[in-house]
Amino acid sequence: MIVRVLLLRGQTEMGIAPSGVVMFFHSFRAVSTAAVLLLGVAAAGAGPGDPAAFVRTLYALPNLWADVTADEESRERYLAPSLAALVAANDGADEFNRLDYDPLTDSQDFEIADLAISTVEASGNRASVQVDFRNFGEAVSLTLELEASGDAWRLANIRYDAERSLTDDLEFMNEAQ
């Protein structure tokens, strides 16, 4: 309120009516309070963001799956807890039961071209993202299933077709150990 008094005194000396200044400060305070409240609500409801953008970050990694699962920190950043547990269990598997392909390309080797990523469905803390590309000239289509964890998306599964998924493959291999 000291600022208001000083401004009122200065405004009076300059021939400006104090009532207009007081009204200006009341309006400014109301607008400022509303802006702070709106920013707080927006920040609280920000959520995990665009699911397709998360998937783009996965496909931007130079070594794709190898980078996603490089260490515990990477698995926590990119994978949902249930998928991270399956991957960790498979890390110690023998050579016959170890995941031997890159799940993000459904192949051992990859040379991705014509990458197209689009959100198919997003509801609450789940989303499905369609990924289409050419790998060594062959068309590939995958559906990545995501789960929201805090303020970020995490990969929960990859569907290769109606009958096969990454979690199915890992569960089968882990049971065979």
N, C-alpha and C. Protein backbone atom coordinates (compact mmCIF):
# COMPACT_ATOMS: atom_id res chain seq x y z
N MET A 1 0.82 -1.19 0.00
CA MET A 1 0.00 0.00 0.00
C MET A 1 0.86 1.26 0.00
N ILE A 2 2.11 1.14 0.39
CA ILE A 2 3.01 2.29 0.34
C ILE A 2 3.16 2.76 -1.09
N VAL A 3 3.22 1.82 -2.03
CA VAL A 3 3.34 2.17 -3.44
C VAL A 3 2.13 2.96 -3.88
N ARG A 4 0.94 2.53 -3.46
CA ARG A 4 -0.27 3.22 -3.85
C ARG A 4 -0.27 4.65 -3.31
N VAL A 5 0.12 4.82 -2.06
CA VAL A 5 0.14 6.15 -1.44
C VAL A 5 1.12 7.05 -2.17
N LEU A 6 2.32 6.55 -2.44
CA LEU A 6 3.31 7.36 -3.14
C LEU A 6 2.83 7.72 -4.54
N LEU A 7 2.23 6.73 -5.24
CA LEU A 7 1.73 7.01 -6.57
C LEU A 7 0.58 8.01 -6.52
N LEU A 8 -0.29 7.87 -5.53
CA LEU A 8 -1.40 8.81 -5.40
C LEU A 8 -0.87 10.23 -5.17
N ARG A 9 0.13 10.35 -4.31
CA ARG A 9 0.70 11.66 -4.03
C ARG A 9 1.32 12.24 -5.30
N GLY A 10 2.06 11.40 -6.05
CA GLY A 10 2.70 11.86 -7.28
C GLY A 10 1.67 12.20 -8.33
N GLN A 11 0.61 11.44 -8.43
CA GLN A 11 -0.42 11.68 -9.43
C GLN A 11 -1.16 12.98 -9.10
N THR A 12 -1.40 13.26 -7.81
CA THR A 12 -2.08 14.48 -7.41
C THR A 12 -1.24 15.69 -7.77
N GLU A 13 0.06 15.61 -7.54
CA GLU A 13 0.94 16.72 -7.86
C GLU A 13 0.99 16.98 -9.35
N MET A 14 0.75 15.90 -10.17
CA MET A 14 0.79 16.06 -11.63
C MET A 14 -0.57 16.45 -12.18
N GLY A 15 -1.58 16.62 -11.30
CA GLY A 15 -2.90 17.04 -11.73
C GLY A 15 -3.80 15.90 -12.18
N ILE A 16 -3.45 14.65 -11.84
CA ILE A 16 -4.29 13.51 -12.21
C ILE A 16 -5.14 13.15 -11.00
N ALA A 17 -6.39 12.88 -11.24
CA ALA A 17 -7.31 12.55 -10.15
C ALA A 17 -6.92 11.22 -9.52
N PRO A 18 -6.77 11.16 -8.19
CA PRO A 18 -6.40 9.94 -7.49
C PRO A 18 -7.41 8.81 -7.64
N SER A 19 -8.70 9.11 -7.80
CA SER A 19 -9.71 8.04 -7.88
C SER A 19 -9.47 7.14 -9.10
N GLY A 20 -9.02 7.71 -10.21
CA GLY A 20 -8.73 6.91 -11.40
C GLY A 20 -7.54 6.00 -11.17
N VAL A 21 -6.54 6.47 -10.44
CA VAL A 21 -5.36 5.66 -10.16
C VAL A 21 -5.73 4.51 -9.24
N VAL A 22 -6.53 4.80 -8.20
CA VAL A 22 -6.95 3.75 -7.27
C VAL A 22 -7.75 2.71 -8.03
N MET A 23 -8.63 3.13 -8.90
CA MET A 23 -9.44 2.20 -9.67
C MET A 23 -8.54 1.34 -10.58
N PHE A 24 -7.53 1.98 -11.17
CA PHE A 24 -6.59 1.25 -12.02
C PHE A 24 -5.89 0.15 -11.22
N PHE A 25 -5.42 0.46 -10.02
CA PHE A 25 -4.70 -0.52 -9.20
C PHE A 25 -5.60 -1.65 -8.74
N HIS A 26 -6.87 -1.36 -8.43
CA HIS A 26 -7.80 -2.43 -8.06
C HIS A 26 -8.03 -3.35 -9.25
N SER A 27 -8.22 -2.79 -10.44
CA SER A 27 -8.41 -3.60 -11.64
C SER A 27 -7.16 -4.42 -11.94
N PHE A 28 -5.99 -3.79 -11.82
CA PHE A 28 -4.73 -4.48 -12.08
C PHE A 28 -4.55 -5.66 -11.13
N ARG A 29 -4.87 -5.44 -9.85
CA ARG A 29 -4.74 -6.50 -8.86
C ARG A 29 -5.69 -7.65 -9.19
N ALA A 30 -6.91 -7.37 -9.60
CA ALA A 30 -7.88 -8.42 -9.95
C ALA A 30 -7.41 -9.21 -11.17
N VAL A 31 -6.91 -8.51 -12.17
CA VAL A 31 -6.42 -9.18 -13.38
C VAL A 31 -5.19 -10.02 -13.04
N SER A 32 -4.29 -9.50 -12.23
CA SER A 32 -3.09 -10.24 -11.84
C SER A 32 -3.45 -11.50 -11.07
N THR A 33 -4.38 -11.39 -10.14
CA THR A 33 -4.81 -12.55 -9.36
C THR A 33 -5.43 -13.60 -10.27
N ALA A 34 -6.27 -13.17 -11.20
CA ALA A 34 -6.90 -14.10 -12.14
C ALA A 34 -5.86 -14.80 -13.00
N ALA A 35 -4.86 -14.05 -13.46
CA ALA A 35 -3.81 -14.64 -14.29
C ALA A 35 -3.02 -15.69 -13.52
N VAL A 36 -2.68 -15.40 -12.28
CA VAL A 36 -1.94 -16.36 -11.46
C VAL A 36 -2.77 -17.62 -11.24
N LEU A 37 -4.06 -17.45 -10.95
CA LEU A 37 -4.93 -18.62 -10.76
C LEU A 37 -5.05 -19.45 -12.03
N LEU A 38 -5.20 -18.79 -13.17
CA LEU A 38 -5.31 -19.52 -14.43
C LEU A 38 -4.03 -20.26 -14.76
N LEU A 39 -2.89 -19.65 -14.52
CA LEU A 39 -1.61 -20.32 -14.76
C LEU A 39 -1.46 -21.53 -13.85
N GLY A 40 -1.89 -21.41 -12.62
CA GLY A 40 -1.82 -22.54 -11.69
C GLY A 40 -2.70 -23.69 -12.13
N VAL A 41 -3.91 -23.38 -12.61
CA VAL A 41 -4.81 -24.43 -13.09
C VAL A 41 -4.23 -25.07 -14.35
N ALA A 42 -3.69 -24.27 -15.25
CA ALA A 42 -3.10 -24.81 -16.48
C ALA A 42 -1.92 -25.70 -16.16
N ALA A 43 -1.08 -25.30 -15.23
CA ALA A 43 0.08 -26.11 -14.87
C ALA A 43 -0.35 -27.40 -14.20
N ALA A 44 -1.36 -27.33 -13.36
CA ALA A 44 -1.83 -28.53 -12.66
C ALA A 44 -2.44 -29.52 -13.62
N GLY A 45 -3.09 -29.05 -14.69
CA GLY A 45 -3.73 -29.94 -15.64
C GLY A 45 -2.91 -30.16 -16.90
N ALA A 46 -1.64 -29.83 -16.88
CA ALA A 46 -0.81 -29.92 -18.07
C ALA A 46 -0.72 -31.34 -18.60
N GLY A 47 -0.63 -32.33 -17.73
CA GLY A 47 -0.59 -33.72 -18.15
C GLY A 47 0.65 -34.07 -18.92
N PRO A 48 0.61 -35.23 -19.56
CA PRO A 48 1.80 -35.75 -20.22
C PRO A 48 2.08 -35.17 -21.59
N GLY A 49 1.17 -34.39 -22.14
CA GLY A 49 1.42 -33.79 -23.45
C GLY A 49 0.96 -34.67 -24.60
N ASP A 50 1.50 -34.41 -25.77
CA ASP A 50 1.11 -35.08 -27.00
C ASP A 50 1.73 -36.48 -27.09
N PRO A 51 0.92 -37.54 -27.15
CA PRO A 51 1.47 -38.89 -27.23
C PRO A 51 2.36 -39.10 -28.46
N ALA A 52 1.96 -38.54 -29.59
CA ALA A 52 2.75 -38.69 -30.82
C ALA A 52 4.12 -38.04 -30.66
N ALA A 53 4.20 -36.94 -29.93
CA ALA A 53 5.50 -36.29 -29.71
C ALA A 53 6.43 -37.19 -28.91
N PHE A 54 5.88 -37.90 -27.93
CA PHE A 54 6.70 -38.85 -27.16
C PHE A 54 7.24 -39.94 -28.08
N VAL A 55 6.39 -40.48 -28.94
CA VAL A 55 6.82 -41.54 -29.86
C VAL A 55 7.88 -41.02 -30.82
N ARG A 56 7.75 -39.76 -31.26
CA ARG A 56 8.79 -39.17 -32.12
C ARG A 56 10.15 -39.16 -31.41
N THR A 57 10.14 -38.92 -30.10
CA THR A 57 11.42 -38.93 -29.37
C THR A 57 12.03 -40.33 -29.37
N LEU A 58 11.19 -41.36 -29.31
CA LEU A 58 11.72 -42.73 -29.36
C LEU A 58 12.38 -43.01 -30.70
N TYR A 59 11.72 -42.62 -31.78
CA TYR A 59 12.24 -42.89 -33.11
C TYR A 59 13.37 -41.94 -33.50
N ALA A 60 13.60 -40.92 -32.72
CA ALA A 60 14.74 -40.03 -32.96
C ALA A 60 16.02 -40.56 -32.31
N LEU A 61 15.89 -41.53 -31.41
CA LEU A 61 17.07 -42.11 -30.77
C LEU A 61 17.89 -42.87 -31.82
N PRO A 62 19.19 -42.66 -31.86
CA PRO A 62 20.01 -43.28 -32.92
C PRO A 62 20.00 -44.81 -32.91
N ASN A 63 19.93 -45.41 -31.74
CA ASN A 63 19.96 -46.87 -31.64
C ASN A 63 18.62 -47.45 -31.21
N LEU A 64 17.58 -46.67 -31.34
CA LEU A 64 16.21 -47.06 -31.01
C LEU A 64 16.12 -47.87 -29.71
N TRP A 65 15.75 -49.15 -29.79
CA TRP A 65 15.49 -49.96 -28.60
C TRP A 65 16.73 -50.06 -27.71
N ALA A 66 17.89 -50.15 -28.30
CA ALA A 66 19.12 -50.23 -27.49
C ALA A 66 19.27 -48.99 -26.62
N ASP A 67 18.87 -47.83 -27.11
CA ASP A 67 18.93 -46.61 -26.31
C ASP A 67 17.81 -46.56 -25.27
N VAL A 68 16.62 -47.06 -25.64
CA VAL A 68 15.49 -47.07 -24.71
C VAL A 68 15.79 -47.94 -23.49
N THR A 69 16.50 -49.04 -23.72
CA THR A 69 16.76 -50.00 -22.64
C THR A 69 18.22 -50.03 -22.20
N ALA A 70 18.98 -49.00 -22.53
CA ALA A 70 20.43 -48.99 -22.28
C ALA A 70 20.78 -49.19 -20.81
N ASP A 71 20.00 -48.60 -19.93
CA ASP A 71 20.27 -48.71 -18.49
C ASP A 71 18.97 -48.47 -17.73
N GLU A 72 19.02 -48.59 -16.43
CA GLU A 72 17.81 -48.44 -15.62
C GLU A 72 17.20 -47.05 -15.77
N GLU A 73 18.03 -46.04 -15.83
CA GLU A 73 17.52 -44.66 -15.98
C GLU A 73 16.75 -44.51 -17.30
N SER A 74 17.28 -45.07 -18.37
CA SER A 74 16.59 -45.00 -19.67
C SER A 74 15.27 -45.78 -19.62
N ARG A 75 15.30 -46.96 -19.03
CA ARG A 75 14.06 -47.74 -18.93
C ARG A 75 13.01 -46.98 -18.12
N GLU A 76 13.41 -46.32 -17.05
CA GLU A 76 12.46 -45.54 -16.26
C GLU A 76 11.92 -44.36 -17.05
N ARG A 77 12.73 -43.75 -17.89
CA ARG A 77 12.32 -42.58 -18.66
C ARG A 77 11.36 -42.96 -19.78
N TYR A 78 11.58 -44.10 -20.42
CA TYR A 78 10.83 -44.44 -21.62
C TYR A 78 9.77 -45.53 -21.45
N LEU A 79 9.92 -46.41 -20.46
CA LEU A 79 9.04 -47.57 -20.35
C LEU A 79 8.10 -47.49 -19.16
N ALA A 80 6.89 -47.97 -19.34
CA ALA A 80 5.95 -48.12 -18.23
C ALA A 80 6.54 -49.17 -17.28
N PRO A 81 6.25 -49.07 -15.99
CA PRO A 81 6.83 -50.02 -15.02
C PRO A 81 6.61 -51.49 -15.38
N SER A 82 5.44 -51.85 -15.88
CA SER A 82 5.17 -53.26 -16.20
C SER A 82 6.06 -53.74 -17.35
N LEU A 83 6.26 -52.91 -18.37
CA LEU A 83 7.13 -53.29 -19.48
C LEU A 83 8.59 -53.28 -19.04
N ALA A 84 8.97 -52.32 -18.22
CA ALA A 84 10.35 -52.26 -17.71
C ALA A 84 10.69 -53.53 -16.93
N ALA A 85 9.73 -54.05 -16.17
CA ALA A 85 9.96 -55.28 -15.39
C ALA A 85 10.15 -56.48 -16.33
N LEU A 86 9.35 -56.57 -17.39
CA LEU A 86 9.52 -57.65 -18.36
C LEU A 86 10.87 -57.57 -19.06
N VAL A 87 11.28 -56.36 -19.42
CA VAL A 87 12.57 -56.17 -20.09
C VAL A 87 13.71 -56.54 -19.14
N ALA A 88 13.63 -56.11 -17.89
CA ALA A 88 14.68 -56.43 -16.92
C ALA A 88 14.77 -57.94 -16.70
N ALA A 89 13.64 -58.61 -16.65
CA ALA A 89 13.64 -60.07 -16.47
C ALA A 89 14.26 -60.77 -17.67
N ASN A 90 14.10 -60.18 -18.86
CA ASN A 90 14.64 -60.80 -20.07
C ASN A 90 16.13 -60.52 -20.26
N ASP A 91 16.65 -59.50 -19.57
CA ASP A 91 18.08 -59.16 -19.70
C ASP A 91 18.99 -60.33 -19.35
N GLY A 92 18.60 -61.13 -18.39
CA GLY A 92 19.44 -62.24 -17.96
C GLY A 92 19.15 -63.55 -18.66
N ALA A 93 18.32 -63.52 -19.69
CA ALA A 93 17.92 -64.75 -20.37
C ALA A 93 19.08 -65.33 -21.18
N ASP A 94 19.01 -66.64 -21.41
CA ASP A 94 20.02 -67.27 -22.26
C ASP A 94 19.79 -66.83 -23.71
N GLU A 95 20.72 -67.15 -24.59
CA GLU A 95 20.66 -66.64 -25.96
C GLU A 95 19.42 -67.11 -26.73
N PHE A 96 18.81 -68.21 -26.34
CA PHE A 96 17.64 -68.71 -27.04
C PHE A 96 16.35 -68.03 -26.59
N ASN A 97 16.37 -67.44 -25.42
CA ASN A 97 15.17 -66.79 -24.88
C ASN A 97 15.32 -65.29 -24.70
N ARG A 98 16.36 -64.74 -25.22
CA ARG A 98 16.60 -63.30 -25.12
C ARG A 98 15.97 -62.60 -26.33
N LEU A 99 15.39 -61.46 -26.09
CA LEU A 99 14.82 -60.65 -27.16
C LEU A 99 15.94 -60.35 -28.16
N ASP A 100 15.77 -60.78 -29.40
CA ASP A 100 16.85 -60.62 -30.37
C ASP A 100 16.45 -59.75 -31.57
N TYR A 101 15.50 -58.87 -31.37
CA TYR A 101 15.10 -57.95 -32.42
C TYR A 101 14.80 -56.59 -31.77
N ASP A 102 14.75 -55.57 -32.61
CA ASP A 102 14.42 -54.24 -32.11
C ASP A 102 12.89 -54.11 -32.16
N PRO A 103 12.24 -54.04 -31.01
CA PRO A 103 10.78 -53.96 -30.99
C PRO A 103 10.21 -52.72 -31.69
N LEU A 104 10.97 -51.65 -31.76
CA LEU A 104 10.46 -50.44 -32.41
C LEU A 104 10.44 -50.55 -33.93
N THR A 105 11.14 -51.56 -34.46
CA THR A 105 11.12 -51.80 -35.91
C THR A 105 10.62 -53.19 -36.25
N ASP A 106 10.48 -54.05 -35.26
CA ASP A 106 10.12 -55.45 -35.44
C ASP A 106 11.10 -56.13 -36.39
N SER A 107 12.38 -55.82 -36.20
CA SER A 107 13.43 -56.41 -37.04
C SER A 107 14.77 -56.35 -36.30
N GLN A 108 15.73 -57.13 -36.78
CA GLN A 108 17.06 -57.08 -36.17
C GLN A 108 17.84 -55.88 -36.67
N ASP A 109 17.74 -55.60 -37.94
CA ASP A 109 18.43 -54.45 -38.55
C ASP A 109 17.39 -53.47 -39.03
N PHE A 110 17.79 -52.21 -39.11
CA PHE A 110 16.81 -51.24 -39.57
C PHE A 110 17.46 -50.11 -40.34
N GLU A 111 16.67 -49.62 -41.30
CA GLU A 111 16.99 -48.43 -42.08
C GLU A 111 15.65 -47.78 -42.36
N ILE A 112 15.25 -46.91 -41.47
CA ILE A 112 13.90 -46.34 -41.50
C ILE A 112 13.80 -45.20 -42.51
N ALA A 113 12.72 -45.25 -43.30
CA ALA A 113 12.40 -44.17 -44.23
C ALA A 113 10.90 -43.93 -44.17
N ASP A 114 10.49 -42.75 -44.57
CA ASP A 114 9.06 -42.39 -44.66
C ASP A 114 8.30 -42.62 -43.35
N LEU A 115 8.89 -42.19 -42.26
CA LEU A 115 8.29 -42.35 -40.93
C LEU A 115 7.06 -41.46 -40.79
N ALA A 116 5.93 -42.07 -40.40
CA ALA A 116 4.70 -41.33 -40.14
C ALA A 116 4.17 -41.76 -38.77
N ILE A 117 3.91 -40.79 -37.91
CA ILE A 117 3.47 -41.06 -36.54
C ILE A 117 2.20 -40.27 -36.28
N SER A 118 1.14 -40.96 -35.80
CA SER A 118 -0.10 -40.25 -35.51
C SER A 118 -0.82 -40.91 -34.33
N THR A 119 -1.42 -40.06 -33.52
CA THR A 119 -2.18 -40.54 -32.37
C THR A 119 -3.51 -41.11 -32.87
N VAL A 120 -3.78 -42.36 -32.49
CA VAL A 120 -5.02 -43.02 -32.87
C VAL A 120 -6.09 -42.74 -31.83
N GLU A 121 -5.70 -42.86 -30.56
CA GLU A 121 -6.64 -42.67 -29.46
C GLU A 121 -5.87 -42.18 -28.24
N ALA A 122 -6.47 -41.26 -27.52
CA ALA A 122 -5.91 -40.79 -26.26
C ALA A 122 -7.06 -40.52 -25.31
N SER A 123 -7.05 -41.23 -24.18
CA SER A 123 -8.12 -41.09 -23.21
C SER A 123 -7.55 -41.31 -21.82
N GLY A 124 -7.68 -40.30 -20.98
CA GLY A 124 -7.16 -40.42 -19.62
C GLY A 124 -5.67 -40.65 -19.61
N ASN A 125 -5.25 -41.75 -18.98
CA ASN A 125 -3.81 -41.99 -18.88
C ASN A 125 -3.34 -43.04 -19.89
N ARG A 126 -4.10 -43.27 -20.95
CA ARG A 126 -3.71 -44.24 -21.98
C ARG A 126 -3.82 -43.60 -23.36
N ALA A 127 -2.93 -44.05 -24.25
CA ALA A 127 -2.97 -43.57 -25.64
C ALA A 127 -2.43 -44.66 -26.55
N SER A 128 -2.91 -44.64 -27.80
CA SER A 128 -2.41 -45.52 -28.85
C SER A 128 -1.89 -44.65 -29.97
N VAL A 129 -0.68 -44.98 -30.45
CA VAL A 129 -0.06 -44.19 -31.51
C VAL A 129 0.32 -45.13 -32.65
N GLN A 130 -0.13 -44.79 -33.85
CA GLN A 130 0.18 -45.57 -35.04
C GLN A 130 1.51 -45.10 -35.60
N VAL A 131 2.40 -46.05 -35.93
CA VAL A 131 3.70 -45.75 -36.51
C VAL A 131 3.81 -46.54 -37.81
N ASP A 132 4.00 -45.82 -38.90
CA ASP A 132 4.18 -46.43 -40.22
C ASP A 132 5.50 -45.95 -40.79
N PHE A 133 6.24 -46.86 -41.40
CA PHE A 133 7.52 -46.50 -42.03
C PHE A 133 7.91 -47.60 -43.01
N ARG A 134 8.99 -47.35 -43.71
CA ARG A 134 9.57 -48.35 -44.58
C ARG A 134 10.91 -48.74 -43.96
N ASN A 135 11.14 -50.05 -43.85
CA ASN A 135 12.40 -50.57 -43.34
C ASN A 135 13.06 -51.38 -44.46
N PHE A 136 14.17 -50.86 -44.97
CA PHE A 136 14.82 -51.46 -46.14
C PHE A 136 13.81 -51.65 -47.28
N GLY A 137 12.92 -50.65 -47.43
CA GLY A 137 11.95 -50.67 -48.52
C GLY A 137 10.66 -51.39 -48.22
N GLU A 138 10.60 -52.15 -47.13
CA GLU A 138 9.39 -52.91 -46.79
C GLU A 138 8.50 -52.09 -45.85
N ALA A 139 7.20 -52.06 -46.15
CA ALA A 139 6.25 -51.31 -45.31
C ALA A 139 6.08 -51.99 -43.96
N VAL A 140 6.12 -51.19 -42.90
CA VAL A 140 5.94 -51.68 -41.53
C VAL A 140 4.90 -50.78 -40.85
N SER A 141 3.99 -51.40 -40.10
CA SER A 141 2.96 -50.66 -39.38
C SER A 141 2.86 -51.24 -37.97
N LEU A 142 3.03 -50.40 -36.97
CA LEU A 142 2.99 -50.80 -35.56
C LEU A 142 2.04 -49.88 -34.80
N THR A 143 1.52 -50.39 -33.70
CA THR A 143 0.74 -49.55 -32.79
C THR A 143 1.42 -49.56 -31.44
N LEU A 144 1.85 -48.40 -30.99
CA LEU A 144 2.48 -48.27 -29.68
C LEU A 144 1.42 -47.88 -28.67
N GLU A 145 1.34 -48.65 -27.60
CA GLU A 145 0.41 -48.36 -26.52
C GLU A 145 1.18 -47.66 -25.41
N LEU A 146 0.66 -46.53 -24.98
CA LEU A 146 1.34 -45.69 -23.99
C LEU A 146 0.51 -45.58 -22.72
N GLU A 147 1.21 -45.36 -21.61
CA GLU A 147 0.58 -45.05 -20.32
C GLU A 147 1.18 -43.74 -19.82
N ALA A 148 0.32 -42.91 -19.26
CA ALA A 148 0.80 -41.67 -18.65
C ALA A 148 1.34 -41.98 -17.26
N SER A 149 2.48 -41.43 -16.97
CA SER A 149 3.08 -41.58 -15.66
C SER A 149 3.53 -40.20 -15.21
N GLY A 150 2.78 -39.63 -14.28
CA GLY A 150 3.09 -38.25 -13.87
C GLY A 150 2.83 -37.31 -15.03
N ASP A 151 3.86 -36.59 -15.43
CA ASP A 151 3.71 -35.62 -16.51
C ASP A 151 4.32 -36.09 -17.82
N ALA A 152 4.49 -37.41 -17.98
CA ALA A 152 5.11 -37.93 -19.20
C ALA A 152 4.46 -39.24 -19.65
N TRP A 153 4.58 -39.51 -20.94
CA TRP A 153 4.13 -40.78 -21.49
C TRP A 153 5.24 -41.81 -21.35
N ARG A 154 4.84 -43.07 -21.21
CA ARG A 154 5.78 -44.20 -21.16
C ARG A 154 5.23 -45.29 -22.07
N LEU A 155 6.13 -46.01 -22.72
CA LEU A 155 5.75 -47.11 -23.59
C LEU A 155 5.30 -48.30 -22.75
N ALA A 156 4.10 -48.80 -23.01
CA ALA A 156 3.56 -49.94 -22.26
C ALA A 156 3.55 -51.22 -23.08
N ASN A 157 3.42 -51.10 -24.42
CA ASN A 157 3.38 -52.27 -25.27
C ASN A 157 3.49 -51.83 -26.72
N ILE A 158 3.83 -52.78 -27.58
CA ILE A 158 3.83 -52.55 -29.03
C ILE A 158 3.03 -53.68 -29.64
N ARG A 159 2.03 -53.32 -30.42
CA ARG A 159 1.21 -54.33 -31.12
C ARG A 159 1.73 -54.40 -32.56
N TYR A 160 2.11 -55.61 -32.96
CA TYR A 160 2.61 -55.83 -34.32
C TYR A 160 1.47 -56.23 -35.26
N ASP A 161 0.52 -56.96 -34.74
CA ASP A 161 -0.71 -57.31 -35.45
C ASP A 161 -1.72 -57.74 -34.40
N ALA A 162 -2.84 -58.26 -34.82
CA ALA A 162 -3.89 -58.63 -33.87
C ALA A 162 -3.48 -59.76 -32.94
N GLU A 163 -2.51 -60.56 -33.35
CA GLU A 163 -2.13 -61.74 -32.58
C GLU A 163 -0.79 -61.65 -31.87
N ARG A 164 -0.05 -60.60 -32.08
CA ARG A 164 1.30 -60.55 -31.51
C ARG A 164 1.63 -59.16 -30.97
N SER A 165 2.29 -59.16 -29.80
CA SER A 165 2.72 -57.89 -29.20
C SER A 165 4.06 -58.09 -28.49
N LEU A 166 4.69 -57.02 -28.16
CA LEU A 166 5.97 -57.08 -27.45
C LEU A 166 5.82 -57.75 -26.09
N THR A 167 4.78 -57.39 -25.34
CA THR A 167 4.62 -58.00 -24.01
C THR A 167 4.36 -59.51 -24.13
N ASP A 168 3.62 -59.92 -25.16
CA ASP A 168 3.41 -61.35 -25.39
C ASP A 168 4.74 -62.06 -25.63
N ASP A 169 5.58 -61.47 -26.50
CA ASP A 169 6.89 -62.05 -26.80
C ASP A 169 7.74 -62.16 -25.55
N LEU A 170 7.81 -61.08 -24.77
CA LEU A 170 8.64 -61.09 -23.56
C LEU A 170 8.12 -62.09 -22.52
N GLU A 171 6.82 -62.12 -22.33
CA GLU A 171 6.26 -63.08 -21.36
C GLU A 171 6.57 -64.52 -21.77
N PHE A 172 6.42 -64.82 -23.05
CA PHE A 172 6.72 -66.16 -23.55
C PHE A 172 8.20 -66.52 -23.32
N MET A 173 9.09 -65.60 -23.71
CA MET A 173 10.53 -65.86 -23.55
C MET A 173 10.92 -65.97 -22.09
N ASN A 174 10.34 -65.11 -21.24
CA ASN A 174 10.69 -65.14 -19.81
C ASN A 174 10.20 -66.42 -19.14
N GLU A 175 9.05 -66.95 -19.57
CA GLU A 175 8.54 -68.19 -19.01
C GLU A 175 9.37 -69.39 -19.44
N ALA A 176 9.98 -69.30 -20.62
CA ALA A 176 10.77 -70.42 -21.15
C ALA A 176 12.13 -70.57 -20.48
N GLN A 177 12.53 -69.59 -19.71
CA GLN A 177 13.86 -69.63 -19.08
C GLN A 177 13.92 -70.67 -18.00
